[in-house]
Amino acid sequence: MLETNGHVSPRMRSSKTVVVADSSRCVVVLALLAVVVAGCNGGTVDKHALKRDAEKVGSLATEGELLANDVSKGASTKYFARVHAKELSQAAADLADALGKRPTSPGITPDVRRLSRLAGKVSTQLEQLHLHPTERRVAQSLEQPLADDAEAANKLAK
């Protein structure tokens, strides 16, 4: 292989080397994105942040309800349901954790902590869907609670 300043000539790289390099870049980009997103959950929760976070929880619950509906009808693959439910559950858990710890503006602490508990509940429900991605009865039993949680979050957003 030809090397120039410690780099392998592009013409001499194998496809494996390119794939590994691309995979490494993806890992770095995802790690940086995680740091940026985590940084967004800092600071004091004011009314605007409460509204935004309540909308996020409502969205996660609604998306979970739609996924549960698909699973209950056999309209989703096992792997999609498992992975998507885990992603939604983790996002809700992250919100629950952040909202449970962050300082709040005066007068909204009870609503922020209520939203934290609601996000935790949504996370737990979605985790059940992750653990049982092919069980139609489990999915069906989660549809209404997730719909109710979406409605509760939307009320907190107002």
N, C-alpha and C. Protein backbone atom coordinates (compact mmCIF):
# COMPACT_ATOMS: atom_id res chain seq x y z
N MET A 1 0.83 -1.18 0.00
CA MET A 1 0.00 0.00 0.00
C MET A 1 0.87 1.24 0.00
N LEU A 2 0.48 2.21 -0.75
CA LEU A 2 1.19 3.47 -0.79
C LEU A 2 0.74 4.35 0.35
N GLU A 3 1.70 4.94 1.03
CA GLU A 3 1.36 5.85 2.12
C GLU A 3 1.89 7.22 1.81
N THR A 4 1.08 8.22 2.12
CA THR A 4 1.48 9.60 1.97
C THR A 4 1.17 10.30 3.28
N ASN A 5 2.22 10.75 3.96
CA ASN A 5 2.04 11.41 5.26
C ASN A 5 1.23 10.56 6.23
N GLY A 6 1.49 9.25 6.23
CA GLY A 6 0.82 8.36 7.17
C GLY A 6 -0.57 7.94 6.74
N HIS A 7 -1.03 8.34 5.57
CA HIS A 7 -2.36 7.99 5.09
C HIS A 7 -2.24 7.02 3.93
N VAL A 8 -3.13 6.07 3.88
CA VAL A 8 -3.16 5.11 2.79
C VAL A 8 -3.81 5.78 1.58
N SER A 9 -3.22 5.57 0.44
CA SER A 9 -3.77 6.13 -0.79
C SER A 9 -5.19 5.63 -0.99
N PRO A 10 -6.13 6.50 -1.36
CA PRO A 10 -7.51 6.07 -1.57
C PRO A 10 -7.64 4.97 -2.60
N ARG A 11 -6.76 4.97 -3.57
CA ARG A 11 -6.83 3.94 -4.60
C ARG A 11 -6.46 2.58 -4.05
N MET A 12 -5.72 2.53 -2.97
CA MET A 12 -5.23 1.26 -2.44
C MET A 12 -6.07 0.77 -1.26
N ARG A 13 -7.04 1.54 -0.82
CA ARG A 13 -7.87 1.12 0.30
C ARG A 13 -8.79 -0.01 -0.12
N SER A 14 -9.00 -0.93 0.79
CA SER A 14 -9.99 -1.97 0.52
C SER A 14 -11.35 -1.45 0.95
N SER A 15 -12.40 -2.10 0.52
CA SER A 15 -13.75 -1.66 0.90
C SER A 15 -13.95 -1.81 2.40
N LYS A 16 -13.26 -2.77 3.03
CA LYS A 16 -13.39 -2.95 4.48
C LYS A 16 -12.84 -1.72 5.20
N THR A 17 -11.73 -1.20 4.75
CA THR A 17 -11.13 -0.03 5.39
C THR A 17 -12.07 1.16 5.30
N VAL A 18 -12.71 1.35 4.18
CA VAL A 18 -13.63 2.47 3.99
C VAL A 18 -14.83 2.30 4.91
N VAL A 19 -15.37 1.08 4.99
CA VAL A 19 -16.53 0.83 5.85
C VAL A 19 -16.17 1.08 7.31
N VAL A 20 -15.00 0.63 7.76
CA VAL A 20 -14.58 0.85 9.14
C VAL A 20 -14.42 2.34 9.41
N ALA A 21 -13.82 3.06 8.46
CA ALA A 21 -13.64 4.50 8.63
C ALA A 21 -15.00 5.19 8.70
N ASP A 22 -15.93 4.82 7.82
CA ASP A 22 -17.26 5.41 7.84
C ASP A 22 -17.98 5.08 9.14
N SER A 23 -17.86 3.85 9.61
CA SER A 23 -18.49 3.45 10.87
C SER A 23 -17.92 4.24 12.03
N SER A 24 -16.61 4.43 12.03
CA SER A 24 -15.97 5.20 13.10
C SER A 24 -16.47 6.63 13.10
N ARG A 25 -16.61 7.21 11.92
CA ARG A 25 -17.13 8.58 11.83
C ARG A 25 -18.56 8.66 12.36
N CYS A 26 -19.37 7.66 12.03
CA CYS A 26 -20.75 7.64 12.52
C CYS A 26 -20.79 7.59 14.04
N VAL A 27 -19.92 6.77 14.64
CA VAL A 27 -19.87 6.67 16.09
C VAL A 27 -19.50 8.01 16.71
N VAL A 28 -18.52 8.68 16.13
CA VAL A 28 -18.10 9.99 16.63
C VAL A 28 -19.22 11.00 16.50
N VAL A 29 -19.88 11.02 15.35
CA VAL A 29 -20.98 11.96 15.14
C VAL A 29 -22.11 11.69 16.12
N LEU A 30 -22.45 10.42 16.32
CA LEU A 30 -23.52 10.08 17.26
C LEU A 30 -23.14 10.46 18.69
N ALA A 31 -21.88 10.26 19.05
CA ALA A 31 -21.44 10.64 20.40
C ALA A 31 -21.54 12.15 20.59
N LEU A 32 -21.12 12.91 19.60
CA LEU A 32 -21.23 14.37 19.69
C LEU A 32 -22.68 14.82 19.75
N LEU A 33 -23.53 14.18 18.98
CA LEU A 33 -24.95 14.51 19.01
C LEU A 33 -25.54 14.23 20.39
N ALA A 34 -25.13 13.12 20.99
CA ALA A 34 -25.62 12.79 22.34
C ALA A 34 -25.20 13.84 23.36
N VAL A 35 -23.98 14.33 23.23
CA VAL A 35 -23.51 15.38 24.15
C VAL A 35 -24.31 16.66 23.96
N VAL A 36 -24.57 17.02 22.72
CA VAL A 36 -25.35 18.24 22.44
C VAL A 36 -26.76 18.09 22.99
N VAL A 37 -27.41 16.95 22.73
CA VAL A 37 -28.77 16.73 23.20
C VAL A 37 -28.81 16.72 24.73
N ALA A 38 -27.84 16.08 25.35
CA ALA A 38 -27.80 16.05 26.81
C ALA A 38 -27.65 17.46 27.37
N GLY A 39 -26.90 18.29 26.69
CA GLY A 39 -26.72 19.66 27.14
C GLY A 39 -28.00 20.47 27.07
N CYS A 40 -28.94 20.05 26.22
CA CYS A 40 -30.21 20.76 26.09
C CYS A 40 -31.12 20.53 27.28
N ASN A 41 -30.84 19.52 28.09
CA ASN A 41 -31.67 19.23 29.24
C ASN A 41 -31.16 19.90 30.50
N GLY A 42 -30.31 20.89 30.38
CA GLY A 42 -29.77 21.56 31.55
C GLY A 42 -30.48 22.88 31.79
N GLY A 43 -30.13 23.51 32.89
CA GLY A 43 -30.68 24.82 33.20
C GLY A 43 -32.01 24.75 33.92
N THR A 44 -32.54 25.92 34.19
CA THR A 44 -33.79 26.04 34.93
C THR A 44 -34.98 25.82 34.00
N VAL A 45 -35.97 25.09 34.50
CA VAL A 45 -37.19 24.86 33.74
C VAL A 45 -38.10 26.06 33.97
N ASP A 46 -38.39 26.78 32.89
CA ASP A 46 -39.35 27.88 32.98
C ASP A 46 -40.63 27.42 32.28
N LYS A 47 -41.61 28.32 32.17
CA LYS A 47 -42.89 27.93 31.57
C LYS A 47 -42.74 27.48 30.12
N HIS A 48 -41.86 28.15 29.38
CA HIS A 48 -41.63 27.76 27.99
C HIS A 48 -41.03 26.36 27.89
N ALA A 49 -40.04 26.07 28.73
CA ALA A 49 -39.41 24.74 28.73
C ALA A 49 -40.40 23.67 29.17
N LEU A 50 -41.25 23.99 30.15
CA LEU A 50 -42.27 23.05 30.60
C LEU A 50 -43.22 22.72 29.45
N LYS A 51 -43.66 23.73 28.73
CA LYS A 51 -44.55 23.52 27.58
C LYS A 51 -43.88 22.64 26.53
N ARG A 52 -42.65 22.97 26.20
CA ARG A 52 -41.91 22.21 25.19
C ARG A 52 -41.71 20.75 25.64
N ASP A 53 -41.32 20.55 26.89
CA ASP A 53 -41.09 19.19 27.38
C ASP A 53 -42.39 18.40 27.49
N ALA A 54 -43.48 19.07 27.87
CA ALA A 54 -44.78 18.40 27.92
C ALA A 54 -45.20 17.97 26.52
N GLU A 55 -44.93 18.81 25.54
CA GLU A 55 -45.24 18.44 24.15
C GLU A 55 -44.42 17.23 23.71
N LYS A 56 -43.16 17.17 24.15
CA LYS A 56 -42.31 16.02 23.82
C LYS A 56 -42.87 14.74 24.43
N VAL A 57 -43.24 14.82 25.72
CA VAL A 57 -43.80 13.64 26.39
C VAL A 57 -45.09 13.21 25.70
N GLY A 58 -45.94 14.19 25.36
CA GLY A 58 -47.17 13.87 24.65
C GLY A 58 -46.91 13.21 23.32
N SER A 59 -45.91 13.70 22.62
CA SER A 59 -45.54 13.13 21.32
C SER A 59 -45.02 11.71 21.48
N LEU A 60 -44.19 11.47 22.47
CA LEU A 60 -43.66 10.13 22.71
C LEU A 60 -44.79 9.15 23.05
N ALA A 61 -45.73 9.60 23.88
CA ALA A 61 -46.85 8.74 24.26
C ALA A 61 -47.74 8.45 23.05
N THR A 62 -47.98 9.46 22.23
CA THR A 62 -48.81 9.28 21.04
C THR A 62 -48.14 8.32 20.06
N GLU A 63 -46.84 8.51 19.86
CA GLU A 63 -46.12 7.61 18.95
C GLU A 63 -46.13 6.19 19.51
N GLY A 64 -45.99 6.07 20.83
CA GLY A 64 -46.07 4.75 21.46
C GLY A 64 -47.43 4.12 21.29
N GLU A 65 -48.47 4.94 21.40
CA GLU A 65 -49.84 4.44 21.20
C GLU A 65 -50.01 3.90 19.77
N LEU A 66 -49.51 4.64 18.80
CA LEU A 66 -49.60 4.20 17.40
C LEU A 66 -48.83 2.90 17.18
N LEU A 67 -47.66 2.80 17.79
CA LEU A 67 -46.86 1.58 17.68
C LEU A 67 -47.59 0.41 18.34
N ALA A 68 -48.14 0.65 19.52
CA ALA A 68 -48.89 -0.40 20.22
C ALA A 68 -50.08 -0.86 19.38
N ASN A 69 -50.74 0.08 18.74
CA ASN A 69 -51.86 -0.26 17.87
C ASN A 69 -51.41 -1.15 16.72
N ASP A 70 -50.31 -0.80 16.10
CA ASP A 70 -49.77 -1.63 15.01
C ASP A 70 -49.41 -3.02 15.50
N VAL A 71 -48.75 -3.09 16.65
CA VAL A 71 -48.35 -4.40 17.19
C VAL A 71 -49.60 -5.23 17.53
N SER A 72 -50.61 -4.58 18.11
CA SER A 72 -51.83 -5.32 18.49
C SER A 72 -52.55 -5.90 17.28
N LYS A 73 -52.33 -5.31 16.11
CA LYS A 73 -52.96 -5.81 14.88
C LYS A 73 -52.02 -6.68 14.06
N GLY A 74 -50.79 -6.88 14.55
CA GLY A 74 -49.82 -7.67 13.81
C GLY A 74 -49.28 -6.93 12.60
N ALA A 75 -49.36 -5.60 12.62
CA ALA A 75 -48.95 -4.79 11.47
C ALA A 75 -47.54 -4.23 11.60
N SER A 76 -46.77 -4.74 12.53
CA SER A 76 -45.40 -4.28 12.72
C SER A 76 -44.49 -5.48 12.90
N THR A 77 -43.27 -5.37 12.43
CA THR A 77 -42.35 -6.48 12.62
C THR A 77 -41.81 -6.48 14.04
N LYS A 78 -41.41 -7.63 14.47
CA LYS A 78 -40.86 -7.81 15.81
C LYS A 78 -39.67 -6.87 16.03
N TYR A 79 -38.78 -6.82 15.07
CA TYR A 79 -37.55 -6.05 15.24
C TYR A 79 -37.81 -4.55 15.23
N PHE A 80 -38.69 -4.10 14.35
CA PHE A 80 -39.02 -2.68 14.33
C PHE A 80 -39.67 -2.27 15.65
N ALA A 81 -40.64 -3.06 16.09
CA ALA A 81 -41.36 -2.74 17.33
C ALA A 81 -40.40 -2.71 18.52
N ARG A 82 -39.52 -3.69 18.58
CA ARG A 82 -38.58 -3.77 19.70
C ARG A 82 -37.65 -2.56 19.73
N VAL A 83 -37.05 -2.24 18.60
CA VAL A 83 -36.09 -1.14 18.55
C VAL A 83 -36.77 0.21 18.73
N HIS A 84 -37.89 0.41 18.04
CA HIS A 84 -38.58 1.71 18.13
C HIS A 84 -39.12 1.95 19.54
N ALA A 85 -39.69 0.92 20.14
CA ALA A 85 -40.19 1.06 21.51
C ALA A 85 -39.05 1.39 22.48
N LYS A 86 -37.90 0.79 22.27
CA LYS A 86 -36.75 1.07 23.14
C LYS A 86 -36.30 2.52 22.97
N GLU A 87 -36.24 2.99 21.74
CA GLU A 87 -35.84 4.39 21.49
C GLU A 87 -36.81 5.36 22.15
N LEU A 88 -38.10 5.11 22.01
CA LEU A 88 -39.10 5.97 22.62
C LEU A 88 -39.02 5.90 24.14
N SER A 89 -38.85 4.70 24.66
CA SER A 89 -38.75 4.52 26.11
C SER A 89 -37.56 5.26 26.68
N GLN A 90 -36.43 5.17 26.01
CA GLN A 90 -35.22 5.85 26.48
C GLN A 90 -35.38 7.37 26.44
N ALA A 91 -36.00 7.87 25.40
CA ALA A 91 -36.23 9.32 25.31
C ALA A 91 -37.13 9.79 26.45
N ALA A 92 -38.18 9.03 26.75
CA ALA A 92 -39.07 9.38 27.85
C ALA A 92 -38.35 9.29 29.19
N ALA A 93 -37.52 8.27 29.35
CA ALA A 93 -36.76 8.11 30.60
C ALA A 93 -35.78 9.27 30.79
N ASP A 94 -35.14 9.71 29.72
CA ASP A 94 -34.22 10.84 29.79
C ASP A 94 -34.95 12.11 30.23
N LEU A 95 -36.14 12.32 29.68
CA LEU A 95 -36.94 13.48 30.07
C LEU A 95 -37.37 13.37 31.54
N ALA A 96 -37.79 12.19 31.95
CA ALA A 96 -38.21 11.99 33.35
C ALA A 96 -37.06 12.31 34.29
N ASP A 97 -35.89 11.83 33.96
CA ASP A 97 -34.71 12.06 34.81
C ASP A 97 -34.36 13.54 34.87
N ALA A 98 -34.33 14.18 33.72
CA ALA A 98 -33.97 15.61 33.67
C ALA A 98 -35.00 16.45 34.42
N LEU A 99 -36.27 16.18 34.19
CA LEU A 99 -37.32 16.98 34.83
C LEU A 99 -37.40 16.72 36.33
N GLY A 100 -36.95 15.58 36.76
CA GLY A 100 -36.96 15.26 38.18
C GLY A 100 -35.85 15.96 38.95
N LYS A 101 -34.82 16.42 38.26
CA LYS A 101 -33.64 17.00 38.92
C LYS A 101 -33.46 18.49 38.69
N ARG A 102 -33.89 18.98 37.55
CA ARG A 102 -33.60 20.37 37.18
C ARG A 102 -34.32 21.36 38.08
N PRO A 103 -33.66 22.48 38.36
CA PRO A 103 -34.35 23.53 39.12
C PRO A 103 -35.46 24.13 38.27
N THR A 104 -36.46 24.72 38.94
CA THR A 104 -37.60 25.26 38.23
C THR A 104 -37.83 26.72 38.59
N SER A 105 -38.52 27.40 37.70
CA SER A 105 -38.96 28.76 37.99
C SER A 105 -40.01 28.69 39.10
N PRO A 106 -40.13 29.75 39.88
CA PRO A 106 -41.11 29.75 40.97
C PRO A 106 -42.53 29.49 40.46
N GLY A 107 -43.25 28.66 41.20
CA GLY A 107 -44.66 28.41 40.91
C GLY A 107 -44.96 27.26 39.98
N ILE A 108 -43.96 26.70 39.30
CA ILE A 108 -44.26 25.61 38.36
C ILE A 108 -43.66 24.27 38.79
N THR A 109 -43.01 24.25 39.95
CA THR A 109 -42.37 23.01 40.41
C THR A 109 -43.33 21.82 40.44
N PRO A 110 -44.55 21.96 40.98
CA PRO A 110 -45.45 20.80 40.99
C PRO A 110 -45.75 20.26 39.59
N ASP A 111 -45.95 21.16 38.62
CA ASP A 111 -46.23 20.71 37.25
C ASP A 111 -45.01 20.04 36.62
N VAL A 112 -43.83 20.56 36.89
CA VAL A 112 -42.61 19.97 36.33
C VAL A 112 -42.41 18.57 36.90
N ARG A 113 -42.60 18.41 38.20
CA ARG A 113 -42.42 17.09 38.82
C ARG A 113 -43.52 16.13 38.37
N ARG A 114 -44.73 16.64 38.17
CA ARG A 114 -45.83 15.81 37.65
C ARG A 114 -45.47 15.31 36.25
N LEU A 115 -44.92 16.19 35.43
CA LEU A 115 -44.51 15.81 34.08
C LEU A 115 -43.38 14.79 34.14
N SER A 116 -42.48 14.94 35.09
CA SER A 116 -41.39 13.98 35.26
C SER A 116 -41.96 12.58 35.55
N ARG A 117 -42.92 12.51 36.47
CA ARG A 117 -43.53 11.22 36.79
C ARG A 117 -44.29 10.65 35.58
N LEU A 118 -44.96 11.52 34.84
CA LEU A 118 -45.69 11.08 33.66
C LEU A 118 -44.72 10.53 32.60
N ALA A 119 -43.61 11.21 32.40
CA ALA A 119 -42.60 10.73 31.44
C ALA A 119 -42.05 9.38 31.88
N GLY A 120 -41.85 9.20 33.19
CA GLY A 120 -41.40 7.92 33.71
C GLY A 120 -42.41 6.81 33.46
N LYS A 121 -43.68 7.15 33.63
CA LYS A 121 -44.75 6.18 33.37
C LYS A 121 -44.79 5.79 31.89
N VAL A 122 -44.68 6.77 31.02
CA VAL A 122 -44.65 6.51 29.57
C VAL A 122 -43.45 5.63 29.23
N SER A 123 -42.31 5.92 29.83
CA SER A 123 -41.12 5.12 29.59
C SER A 123 -41.34 3.66 29.99
N THR A 124 -41.95 3.45 31.14
CA THR A 124 -42.22 2.09 31.62
C THR A 124 -43.17 1.35 30.68
N GLN A 125 -44.20 2.04 30.22
CA GLN A 125 -45.15 1.41 29.29
C GLN A 125 -44.46 1.04 27.98
N LEU A 126 -43.64 1.94 27.48
CA LEU A 126 -42.93 1.67 26.22
C LEU A 126 -41.90 0.56 26.40
N GLU A 127 -41.33 0.46 27.57
CA GLU A 127 -40.38 -0.63 27.85
C GLU A 127 -41.10 -1.98 27.78
N GLN A 128 -42.35 -2.01 28.24
CA GLN A 128 -43.13 -3.25 28.13
C GLN A 128 -43.33 -3.65 26.67
N LEU A 129 -43.57 -2.67 25.84
CA LEU A 129 -43.71 -2.93 24.41
C LEU A 129 -42.38 -3.42 23.83
N HIS A 130 -41.29 -2.86 24.30
CA HIS A 130 -39.96 -3.30 23.86
C HIS A 130 -39.73 -4.76 24.26
N LEU A 131 -40.11 -5.11 25.46
CA LEU A 131 -39.87 -6.48 25.96
C LEU A 131 -40.81 -7.51 25.34
N HIS A 132 -41.97 -7.06 24.85
CA HIS A 132 -42.98 -7.96 24.29
C HIS A 132 -43.43 -7.47 22.91
N PRO A 133 -42.51 -7.41 21.95
CA PRO A 133 -42.82 -6.78 20.66
C PRO A 133 -43.75 -7.58 19.75
N THR A 134 -44.09 -8.81 20.15
CA THR A 134 -45.00 -9.60 19.31
C THR A 134 -46.27 -10.00 20.06
N GLU A 135 -46.38 -9.60 21.30
CA GLU A 135 -47.55 -10.00 22.10
C GLU A 135 -48.67 -8.98 21.92
N ARG A 136 -49.65 -9.39 21.14
CA ARG A 136 -50.74 -8.48 20.77
C ARG A 136 -51.54 -8.02 21.98
N ARG A 137 -51.76 -8.91 22.95
CA ARG A 137 -52.54 -8.52 24.13
C ARG A 137 -51.81 -7.46 24.95
N VAL A 138 -50.51 -7.61 25.09
CA VAL A 138 -49.73 -6.60 25.83
C VAL A 138 -49.85 -5.26 25.11
N ALA A 139 -49.66 -5.29 23.81
CA ALA A 139 -49.74 -4.05 23.03
C ALA A 139 -51.12 -3.42 23.15
N GLN A 140 -52.15 -4.23 23.06
CA GLN A 140 -53.52 -3.71 23.15
C GLN A 140 -53.77 -3.11 24.52
N SER A 141 -53.21 -3.72 25.56
CA SER A 141 -53.41 -3.20 26.93
C SER A 141 -52.68 -1.88 27.16
N LEU A 142 -51.72 -1.56 26.31
CA LEU A 142 -50.95 -0.32 26.45
C LEU A 142 -51.54 0.85 25.65
N GLU A 143 -52.38 0.56 24.69
CA GLU A 143 -52.91 1.62 23.81
C GLU A 143 -53.62 2.73 24.58
N GLN A 144 -54.62 2.37 25.39
CA GLN A 144 -55.40 3.39 26.08
C GLN A 144 -54.58 4.14 27.14
N PRO A 145 -53.77 3.44 27.95
CA PRO A 145 -52.94 4.19 28.90
C PRO A 145 -52.00 5.18 28.23
N LEU A 146 -51.43 4.80 27.09
CA LEU A 146 -50.55 5.73 26.38
C LEU A 146 -51.36 6.91 25.82
N ALA A 147 -52.56 6.65 25.33
CA ALA A 147 -53.42 7.74 24.84
C ALA A 147 -53.78 8.68 25.99
N ASP A 148 -54.09 8.11 27.16
CA ASP A 148 -54.41 8.93 28.33
C ASP A 148 -53.21 9.77 28.77
N ASP A 149 -52.03 9.17 28.70
CA ASP A 149 -50.82 9.89 29.09
C ASP A 149 -50.50 11.01 28.10
N ALA A 150 -50.76 10.77 26.83
CA ALA A 150 -50.56 11.83 25.83
C ALA A 150 -51.49 13.00 26.12
N GLU A 151 -52.73 12.69 26.46
CA GLU A 151 -53.69 13.74 26.79
C GLU A 151 -53.26 14.50 28.05
N ALA A 152 -52.80 13.78 29.06
CA ALA A 152 -52.35 14.43 30.30
C ALA A 152 -51.15 15.34 30.03
N ALA A 153 -50.23 14.88 29.20
CA ALA A 153 -49.06 15.71 28.86
C ALA A 153 -49.49 16.95 28.09
N ASN A 154 -50.41 16.78 27.18
CA ASN A 154 -50.89 17.92 26.40
C ASN A 154 -51.59 18.96 27.28
N LYS A 155 -52.26 18.49 28.32
CA LYS A 155 -52.88 19.44 29.27
C LYS A 155 -51.80 20.24 30.02
N LEU A 156 -50.71 19.57 30.36
CA LEU A 156 -49.62 20.26 31.03
C LEU A 156 -48.92 21.24 30.10
N ALA A 157 -49.03 21.01 28.81
CA ALA A 157 -48.39 21.90 27.82
C ALA A 157 -49.14 23.21 27.66
N LYS A 158 -50.36 23.28 28.14
CA LYS A 158 -51.18 24.49 27.95
C LYS A 158 -51.02 25.46 29.07
